Amino acid sequence: EALLKEAVAAAVAAALVPEHEKYKALQTEIRAMQQQLKEKDEEIQRGMQEIERGKREIDRCKREIESCKQSAAEAAAEAQNAHSAEMA
């Protein structure tokens, strides 16, 4: 009977070894996937930051364009006034 118990325990242990190896392999795969997800998330965050920087740069350029338009309009008005004064 002790021999039978020992044989059963050995058979159960032998059956569990492949399952444990599968479990370890799955755990390794899960860790690798989690790392990939983390890296993709960081990549997305960097992309979002680049988009925000781009938006700020576009806004800055728009303000600069408006300022240039205003300066050009003022210069044109001054030139028109100077021309009008010459003609008078």
Protein backbone atom coordinates (compact mmCIF):
# COMPACT_ATOMS: atom_id res chain seq x y z
CA GLU A 1 0.00 0.00 0.00
CA ALA A 2 2.82 2.42 0.81
CA LEU A 3 4.37 1.51 -2.49
CA LEU A 4 1.08 2.31 -4.26
CA LYS A 5 0.84 5.69 -2.52
CA GLU A 6 4.42 6.42 -3.50
CA ALA A 7 3.76 5.44 -7.09
CA VAL A 8 0.64 7.60 -7.24
CA ALA A 9 2.51 10.56 -5.73
CA ALA A 10 5.30 10.13 -8.26
CA ALA A 11 2.79 9.92 -11.13
CA VAL A 12 0.98 13.05 -9.93
CA ALA A 13 4.27 14.92 -9.58
CA ALA A 14 5.33 13.81 -13.05
CA ALA A 15 2.00 14.98 -14.47
CA LEU A 16 2.33 18.36 -12.77
CA VAL A 17 5.80 19.13 -14.13
CA PRO A 18 4.60 19.88 -17.70
CA GLU A 19 1.74 21.96 -16.31
CA HIS A 20 4.15 23.94 -14.16
CA GLU A 21 6.41 24.48 -17.16
CA LYS A 22 3.41 25.70 -19.19
CA TYR A 23 2.49 28.03 -16.33
CA LYS A 24 6.02 29.43 -16.18
CA ALA A 25 6.06 29.91 -19.96
CA LEU A 26 2.70 31.70 -19.83
CA GLN A 27 3.92 33.91 -16.99
CA THR A 28 6.99 34.82 -19.05
CA GLU A 29 4.79 35.59 -22.05
CA ILE A 30 2.48 37.72 -19.92
CA ARG A 31 5.43 39.70 -18.54
CA ALA A 32 6.72 40.27 -22.09
CA MET A 33 3.28 41.46 -23.23
CA GLN A 34 3.00 43.76 -20.22
CA GLN A 35 6.39 45.26 -21.09
CA GLN A 36 5.27 45.76 -24.70
CA LEU A 37 2.08 47.46 -23.49
CA LYS A 38 4.12 49.72 -21.22
CA GLU A 39 6.43 50.65 -24.08
CA LYS A 40 3.49 51.33 -26.42
CA ASP A 41 1.83 53.46 -23.74
CA GLU A 42 5.03 55.47 -23.32
CA GLU A 43 5.26 55.87 -27.09
CA ILE A 44 1.66 57.11 -27.20
CA GLN A 45 2.37 59.56 -24.36
CA ARG A 46 5.40 60.91 -26.24
CA GLY A 47 3.26 61.26 -29.36
CA MET A 48 0.59 63.14 -27.43
CA GLN A 49 3.24 65.47 -26.00
CA GLU A 50 4.58 66.10 -29.51
CA ILE A 51 1.05 66.91 -30.69
CA GLU A 52 0.63 69.39 -27.82
CA ARG A 53 3.97 71.01 -28.62
CA GLY A 54 2.94 71.23 -32.28
CA LYS A 55 -0.37 72.87 -31.33
CA ARG A 56 1.44 75.43 -29.18
CA GLU A 57 3.86 76.14 -32.04
CA ILE A 58 0.96 76.59 -34.46
CA ASP A 59 -0.74 78.99 -32.04
CA ARG A 60 2.51 80.94 -31.66
CA CYS A 61 2.87 81.16 -35.44
CA LYS A 62 -0.74 82.33 -35.82
CA ARG A 63 -0.12 85.10 -33.27
CA GLU A 64 3.06 86.07 -35.10
CA ILE A 65 1.21 86.16 -38.44
CA GLU A 66 -1.51 88.35 -36.93
CA SER A 67 1.13 90.66 -35.49
CA CYS A 68 2.84 90.89 -38.90
CA LYS A 69 -0.50 91.61 -40.60
CA GLN A 70 -1.21 94.34 -38.08
CA SER A 71 2.26 95.85 -38.56
CA ALA A 72 1.84 95.72 -42.34
CA ALA A 73 -1.57 97.39 -42.10
CA GLU A 74 -0.15 100.13 -39.87
CA ALA A 75 2.79 100.64 -42.24
CA ALA A 76 0.41 100.81 -45.21
CA ALA A 77 -1.74 103.36 -43.38
CA GLU A 78 1.33 105.45 -42.54
CA ALA A 79 2.51 105.26 -46.15
CA GLN A 80 -0.94 106.28 -47.35
CA ASN A 81 -0.98 109.19 -44.92
CA ALA A 82 2.50 110.28 -46.01
CA HIS A 83 1.46 110.06 -49.65
CA SER A 84 -1.70 112.04 -48.93
CA ALA A 85 0.35 114.70 -47.12
CA GLU A 86 2.71 114.95 -50.11
CA MET A 87 -0.18 115.40 -52.48
CA ALA A 88 -1.72 118.15 -50.38
